[in-house]
Structures are given as C-alpha cells and as structure tokens.
Amino acid sequence: MTKITVGGVPEHFNYPWHIAIREQLFEKEGIEVEWIDFYGGTGELSEALKNNEIDIAIMLTEGIVKEIIEGSNFKILQNYISSPLIWGIHVAANSQYKSISDLEHTKAAISRYGSGSHLLAYVNAKNQGWNTQELDFEVVNDLSGAIEALPNDDAQYFMWEHFTTKPLVDDGTFRRVGDCPSPWPCFVIASTEDYLNVNSSAIEKLLSVLNTITEDFKNIENLAEILAEEYQQKEEDIALWLEKTEWGQQQIKKETIEETQNQLFDLNLIEKKLPFKNFVANS
C-alpha cells in the first residue's frame, strides 16, 4: 500500500477527494490517501509541498506558475477545476467603502505573499485601472485572520472565494462590494518533481480514480443538498456555484500557462517567462 498525503483548501471544490477516501476507492488501487486541510490557501500549500509535509497539492494556477518561475521544483500533474475562480471582494460590514472603486488607496488583507488573495489583488487593481505599484498589504494568514483584521481596520478589503465567504456576508460579518473572476482556470493538481519521479505509477492510479469521480460528479443525486450540509452553505448558493464550476481531467493547456505568465509578467509579479514544458509533468 502506497501512502500519499494530499493537501487542499477546505472548500466544496475538493469534495470529490473526500468521496474517494470515504468509499475507499484509492485503497482498491493499493493507495492510502491522507487528506490535510490548509486554511491559508495556495501560499501555505506551497510551503507544505516544498517541505515535504504533503506529496500532492491542489493549488491555484497563478500560485504554482509563480512558484515554478521562482525556482520551486513543482510540476503540474493535471488541471482540476477548468472554470475560473470567482473572488469576492469583501469589506467589514460597517465599512465606509461602498464600491470597488472606493478601495483604490486602501490596504488589502492577504493570506500570505504569493497566495491567490495577493496575486488577484493585482489583477483586480489592473481591471480597475489603479496603479499596481501602490498596492498595500496586510498578511492575515487565513479567513479567520481577515474576520479579525477588517473590523479592526488593520486592512480595508479581503479577496476570497465568493461562495466560501457567502455565509459571512449573510450573517453580517462582511459586506461584498463586487467580484473579480480569475482570468484563467483556477485549480491544478501538483507535486514535486522528486516525488513524481519515484511515484509516477501510484500517481497515475490516483488521478484515474479521482477523474472517474469528477467526470460524473455533478450528476450525483441531491448533490447541492449534500454539499450545503457538508459546508454549512445555503442550498441555492451551492446550486449556483455548481452551475459555474467545471472539473477537468486533462493536463493544463499551454494557452492557459502562457496567459497566466503574461498577466503576472505585465503586473511585475514575475521577472521572466518559461516554456510550457517547465511547468508540466511528462505524461
């Protein structure tokens, strides 16, 4: 039995993994999968992957592209979510700021530098026509850190996945002033080159099991009801999220890597671009 430790955010995107673990589908292929939740998002996942605390990570596309360009020994195994991530832009419920444009010269709460909340703040600023060189940040580690930082005025806005933060909007913790969809498919499955070289056969089996689930995931009976209960969400919110979300089973497209690099380069978030082969595992 090969043990593989997988890390990802505790969000509804990753429910297919939990189905496979609960139903022991990986074990039928001789693989024991341990899942670890990372509340700090892609920045925290990157550190865990570098430190060999996990073997595989479900990471944001922009985060892993930046990591690989900066020298991390990561490889994209395949695409995971082939639709954009919808980033909600949140302020404290009693904030004076009423629209995205009001936030131009304020401070963004981010989970950590290099995370999606950090990188998408630049994408949002570019969309708004702001000077991206003037962006200011407050590191809050995770969603709970933002819940503390915004009412204390340590930061004025926070970008996080729209539907994950919806309950905090509903209960009056945050107010959402707008959304910023990522300009690319959002999540990929990644590992280190070293781990891949030794465990390619087990990884291939693991992905085969997962892809079988994700191909048919949206056809699960009463899925919105199941996810609403699992993630403490309203069923109608989950139903809307499912409409907007697509799971992928193929390797990430070359065009996606090029588009992500171009945007990050234009925003001065990376200093160079690399060929497609530098990012992806050999099939």
Protein backbone atom coordinates (compact mmCIF):
# COMPACT_ATOMS: atom_id res chain seq x y z
CA MET A 1 0.00 0.00 0.00
CA THR A 2 1.47 3.33 -1.10
CA LYS A 3 0.61 6.25 1.18
CA ILE A 4 0.06 9.63 -0.49
CA THR A 5 -0.59 12.79 1.53
CA VAL A 6 -2.74 15.34 -0.28
CA GLY A 7 -3.36 18.95 0.75
CA GLY A 8 -6.03 21.40 -0.33
CA VAL A 9 -8.35 24.13 0.87
CA PRO A 10 -11.39 23.06 2.94
CA GLU A 11 -13.83 24.09 0.23
CA HIS A 12 -16.51 22.36 -1.84
CA PHE A 13 -14.20 22.08 -4.88
CA ASN A 14 -12.39 19.25 -3.13
CA TYR A 15 -15.40 17.14 -2.16
CA PRO A 16 -14.61 14.52 -4.88
CA TRP A 17 -11.43 13.66 -2.96
CA HIS A 18 -13.45 13.02 0.18
CA ILE A 19 -15.86 10.76 -1.70
CA ALA A 20 -12.95 8.64 -2.94
CA ILE A 21 -11.39 8.46 0.52
CA ARG A 22 -14.66 7.65 2.28
CA GLU A 23 -15.59 4.95 -0.23
CA GLN A 24 -12.03 3.53 -0.11
CA LEU A 25 -11.69 3.83 -3.89
CA PHE A 26 -7.99 4.69 -3.67
CA GLU A 27 -7.36 1.70 -1.43
CA LYS A 28 -8.74 -0.61 -4.12
CA GLU A 29 -5.80 0.58 -6.23
CA GLY A 30 -3.29 -0.03 -3.44
CA ILE A 31 -3.11 3.63 -2.35
CA GLU A 32 -3.78 5.06 1.09
CA VAL A 33 -4.65 8.77 0.79
CA GLU A 34 -4.38 11.11 3.77
CA TRP A 35 -6.11 14.46 3.22
CA ILE A 36 -4.94 17.60 5.06
CA ASP A 37 -6.94 20.85 5.04
CA PHE A 38 -4.96 24.08 4.52
CA TYR A 39 -6.91 27.13 5.62
CA GLY A 40 -4.20 29.53 4.41
CA GLY A 41 -4.68 28.66 0.74
CA THR A 42 -2.10 28.28 -2.00
CA GLY A 43 0.72 30.12 -0.21
CA GLU A 44 0.52 27.73 2.73
CA LEU A 45 0.19 24.74 0.40
CA SER A 46 3.34 25.77 -1.47
CA GLU A 47 5.34 25.80 1.75
CA ALA A 48 3.99 22.39 2.75
CA LEU A 49 4.86 20.91 -0.65
CA LYS A 50 8.40 22.36 -0.50
CA ASN A 51 8.90 20.97 3.00
CA ASN A 52 7.60 17.50 2.01
CA GLU A 53 4.75 17.78 4.52
CA ILE A 54 2.45 16.75 1.66
CA ASP A 55 3.06 14.84 -1.56
CA ILE A 56 0.36 16.40 -3.73
CA ALA A 57 -1.33 19.82 -3.53
CA ILE A 58 -4.47 21.29 -5.06
CA MET A 59 -3.18 24.77 -5.89
CA LEU A 60 -4.32 27.87 -7.70
CA THR A 61 -2.95 28.16 -11.25
CA GLU A 62 -1.42 31.61 -10.71
CA GLY A 63 0.25 30.50 -7.48
CA ILE A 64 2.03 27.48 -8.91
CA VAL A 65 3.08 29.33 -12.07
CA LYS A 66 4.77 31.98 -9.93
CA GLU A 67 6.36 29.33 -7.69
CA ILE A 68 7.85 27.39 -10.63
CA ILE A 69 9.24 30.54 -12.24
CA GLU A 70 10.87 31.44 -8.92
CA GLY A 71 12.61 28.06 -8.77
CA SER A 72 10.29 25.72 -6.88
CA ASN A 73 10.70 22.12 -8.03
CA PHE A 74 6.96 21.71 -8.71
CA LYS A 75 5.15 20.12 -11.64
CA ILE A 76 1.50 20.37 -12.66
CA LEU A 77 0.06 16.85 -12.91
CA GLN A 78 -3.20 17.99 -14.50
CA ASN A 79 -5.93 20.58 -14.47
CA TYR A 80 -8.50 20.15 -11.67
CA ILE A 81 -11.06 22.97 -11.93
CA SER A 82 -11.33 24.16 -15.53
CA SER A 83 -13.56 27.17 -14.77
CA PRO A 84 -12.42 30.50 -13.26
CA LEU A 85 -12.46 31.14 -9.52
CA ILE A 86 -14.86 33.91 -8.55
CA TRP A 87 -13.11 36.08 -5.99
CA GLY A 88 -15.47 38.07 -3.81
CA ILE A 89 -14.16 41.47 -2.72
CA HIS A 90 -15.16 41.98 0.90
CA VAL A 91 -15.12 44.84 3.40
CA ALA A 92 -16.21 44.93 7.03
CA ALA A 93 -19.99 45.13 7.39
CA ASN A 94 -19.82 48.65 8.88
CA SER A 95 -17.13 49.87 6.47
CA GLN A 96 -17.42 53.29 4.86
CA TYR A 97 -16.43 51.75 1.49
CA LYS A 98 -19.40 51.04 -0.79
CA SER A 99 -17.83 50.03 -4.11
CA ILE A 100 -14.63 48.54 -5.54
CA SER A 101 -13.54 51.97 -6.76
CA ASP A 102 -13.65 53.29 -3.18
CA LEU A 103 -10.85 50.85 -2.24
CA GLU A 104 -8.18 52.27 -4.57
CA HIS A 105 -5.79 53.63 -1.92
CA THR A 106 -6.62 51.21 0.90
CA LYS A 107 -4.88 48.10 2.25
CA ALA A 108 -5.74 44.55 1.16
CA ALA A 109 -5.73 41.69 3.65
CA ILE A 110 -3.94 38.67 2.14
CA SER A 111 -3.31 35.17 3.47
CA ARG A 112 0.38 35.48 2.56
CA TYR A 113 2.59 36.82 -0.22
CA GLY A 114 2.38 34.67 -3.35
CA SER A 115 -1.10 33.46 -2.43
CA GLY A 116 -4.17 33.87 -4.61
CA SER A 117 -5.51 36.65 -2.40
CA HIS A 118 -2.24 38.51 -3.01
CA LEU A 119 -1.95 37.90 -6.77
CA LEU A 120 -5.62 38.54 -7.54
CA ALA A 121 -5.43 41.87 -5.74
CA TYR A 122 -3.11 42.89 -8.59
CA VAL A 123 -5.47 41.51 -11.23
CA ASN A 124 -8.36 43.43 -9.65
CA ALA A 125 -6.26 46.61 -9.47
CA LYS A 126 -5.35 46.26 -13.14
CA ASN A 127 -9.04 45.74 -14.03
CA GLN A 128 -9.88 48.93 -12.12
CA GLY A 129 -7.10 50.98 -13.73
CA TRP A 130 -5.27 51.52 -10.43
CA ASN A 131 -1.52 51.96 -10.07
CA THR A 132 -0.47 48.43 -9.10
CA GLN A 133 2.84 49.69 -7.75
CA GLU A 134 0.97 51.44 -4.94
CA LEU A 135 -0.88 48.39 -3.58
CA ASP A 136 -0.54 47.85 0.17
CA PHE A 137 -1.00 44.57 2.05
CA GLU A 138 -1.63 43.17 5.50
CA VAL A 139 -0.81 39.45 5.98
CA VAL A 140 -3.66 37.79 7.93
CA ASN A 141 -2.85 34.08 7.22
CA ASP A 142 -6.37 32.87 6.51
CA LEU A 143 -10.08 33.66 6.50
CA SER A 144 -10.29 33.86 10.29
CA GLY A 145 -7.46 36.41 10.24
CA ALA A 146 -9.44 38.54 7.80
CA ILE A 147 -12.53 38.31 10.02
CA GLU A 148 -10.43 39.97 12.72
CA ALA A 149 -8.47 42.40 10.54
CA LEU A 150 -11.29 44.12 8.62
CA PRO A 151 -13.43 45.28 11.59
CA ASN A 152 -10.21 46.41 13.35
CA ASP A 153 -9.31 48.45 10.24
CA ASP A 154 -5.90 46.71 10.00
CA ALA A 155 -6.88 46.21 6.36
CA GLN A 156 -9.86 47.52 4.43
CA TYR A 157 -10.70 44.70 1.99
CA PHE A 158 -10.16 41.00 1.52
CA MET A 159 -10.49 38.81 -1.59
CA TRP A 160 -11.58 35.19 -1.11
CA GLU A 161 -13.70 32.67 -2.99
CA HIS A 162 -17.22 34.10 -3.40
CA PHE A 163 -19.25 31.14 -2.17
CA THR A 164 -16.94 30.17 0.70
CA THR A 165 -17.36 33.65 2.17
CA LYS A 166 -21.09 33.93 1.35
CA PRO A 167 -22.18 32.80 4.86
CA LEU A 168 -20.05 35.62 6.33
CA VAL A 169 -21.82 38.10 4.06
CA ASP A 170 -25.20 36.65 5.03
CA ASP A 171 -24.51 36.87 8.78
CA GLY A 172 -23.22 40.47 8.58
CA THR A 173 -19.53 39.82 9.22
CA PHE A 174 -18.52 41.05 5.75
CA ARG A 175 -20.15 43.10 3.04
CA ARG A 176 -19.27 42.17 -0.55
CA VAL A 177 -18.71 45.15 -2.85
CA GLY A 178 -18.01 43.15 -6.00
CA ASP A 179 -16.40 40.12 -7.63
CA CYS A 180 -13.22 39.52 -9.62
CA PRO A 181 -13.17 36.25 -11.61
CA SER A 182 -9.71 34.81 -12.24
CA PRO A 183 -8.69 35.24 -15.90
CA TRP A 184 -7.81 31.51 -16.14
CA PRO A 185 -8.98 28.04 -14.97
CA CYS A 186 -8.40 28.11 -11.26
CA PHE A 187 -7.13 24.89 -9.63
CA VAL A 188 -4.48 22.38 -10.67
CA ILE A 189 -3.12 19.20 -9.09
CA ALA A 190 0.62 19.48 -8.40
CA SER A 191 3.52 17.60 -6.90
CA THR A 192 7.30 17.93 -6.72
CA GLU A 193 9.49 16.59 -9.50
CA ASP A 194 11.34 14.41 -6.99
CA TYR A 195 8.16 12.77 -5.71
CA LEU A 196 6.81 12.31 -9.23
CA ASN A 197 9.99 10.59 -10.42
CA VAL A 198 9.68 7.90 -7.74
CA ASN A 199 5.88 7.53 -7.55
CA SER A 200 4.59 8.07 -11.10
CA SER A 201 2.70 4.77 -11.22
CA ALA A 202 0.83 5.41 -7.94
CA ILE A 203 0.05 8.99 -9.02
CA GLU A 204 -1.35 7.74 -12.32
CA LYS A 205 -3.70 5.35 -10.46
CA LEU A 206 -4.72 8.07 -8.00
CA LEU A 207 -5.61 10.51 -10.78
CA SER A 208 -7.53 7.83 -12.64
CA VAL A 209 -9.74 7.22 -9.57
CA LEU A 210 -10.25 10.95 -8.99
CA ASN A 211 -11.05 11.70 -12.64
CA THR A 212 -13.65 8.95 -12.74
CA ILE A 213 -15.43 10.71 -9.87
CA THR A 214 -15.14 14.26 -11.19
CA GLU A 215 -16.37 13.29 -14.68
CA ASP A 216 -19.72 12.31 -13.17
CA PHE A 217 -19.65 14.46 -10.02
CA LYS A 218 -22.36 16.94 -10.97
CA ASN A 219 -24.78 14.09 -11.69
CA ILE A 220 -24.77 12.87 -8.08
CA GLU A 221 -28.33 12.80 -6.78
CA ASN A 222 -29.15 15.63 -4.33
CA LEU A 223 -25.60 16.97 -4.68
CA ALA A 224 -26.49 20.57 -3.80
CA GLU A 225 -28.23 19.39 -0.64
CA ILE A 226 -25.28 17.19 0.34
CA LEU A 227 -22.71 19.97 -0.20
CA ALA A 228 -24.86 22.57 1.55
CA GLU A 229 -24.94 20.41 4.66
CA GLU A 230 -21.26 19.47 4.44
CA TYR A 231 -20.02 23.06 4.07
CA GLN A 232 -22.71 24.94 6.02
CA GLN A 233 -24.00 26.75 2.96
CA LYS A 234 -27.43 27.59 1.59
CA GLU A 235 -28.60 25.05 -0.96
CA GLU A 236 -29.45 27.74 -3.52
CA ASP A 237 -25.90 29.15 -3.23
CA ILE A 238 -24.39 25.71 -3.81
CA ALA A 239 -26.68 25.15 -6.80
CA LEU A 240 -25.48 28.44 -8.33
CA TRP A 241 -21.85 27.54 -7.60
CA LEU A 242 -22.29 24.14 -9.29
CA GLU A 243 -23.66 25.88 -12.39
CA LYS A 244 -20.49 27.96 -12.63
CA THR A 245 -17.94 25.23 -11.79
CA GLU A 246 -16.43 22.63 -14.12
CA TRP A 247 -13.98 19.87 -13.18
CA GLY A 248 -11.20 18.97 -15.60
CA GLN A 249 -9.48 15.65 -16.19
CA GLN A 250 -6.76 16.63 -18.67
CA GLN A 251 -3.37 18.31 -18.46
CA ILE A 252 -3.49 22.10 -18.28
CA LYS A 253 -3.44 23.81 -21.67
CA LYS A 254 -0.37 25.56 -23.00
CA GLU A 255 -2.51 28.65 -23.68
CA THR A 256 -3.51 28.82 -20.01
CA ILE A 257 0.12 28.80 -18.87
CA GLU A 258 1.02 31.46 -21.44
CA GLU A 259 -1.91 33.70 -20.45
CA THR A 260 -1.12 33.35 -16.73
CA GLN A 261 2.56 34.16 -17.30
CA ASN A 262 1.71 37.14 -19.50
CA GLN A 263 -0.60 38.66 -16.89
CA LEU A 264 1.81 38.05 -13.99
CA PHE A 265 4.69 39.49 -16.04
CA ASP A 266 2.69 42.58 -17.01
CA LEU A 267 1.92 43.12 -13.31
CA ASN A 268 5.64 42.80 -12.42
CA LEU A 269 4.88 39.76 -10.26
CA ILE A 270 7.36 37.57 -12.16
CA GLU A 271 10.67 38.58 -13.72
CA LYS A 272 10.74 36.09 -16.60
CA LYS A 273 8.64 33.59 -18.54
CA LEU A 274 9.41 29.91 -19.05
CA PRO A 275 8.48 27.33 -21.74
CA PHE A 276 5.38 25.21 -21.17
CA LYS A 277 7.45 22.05 -20.56
CA ASN A 278 8.92 23.61 -17.40
CA PHE A 279 5.50 23.61 -15.76
CA VAL A 280 4.02 20.23 -16.55
CA ALA A 281 4.78 16.62 -15.67
CA ASN A 282 5.76 14.38 -18.54
CA SER A 283 2.69 12.34 -19.46
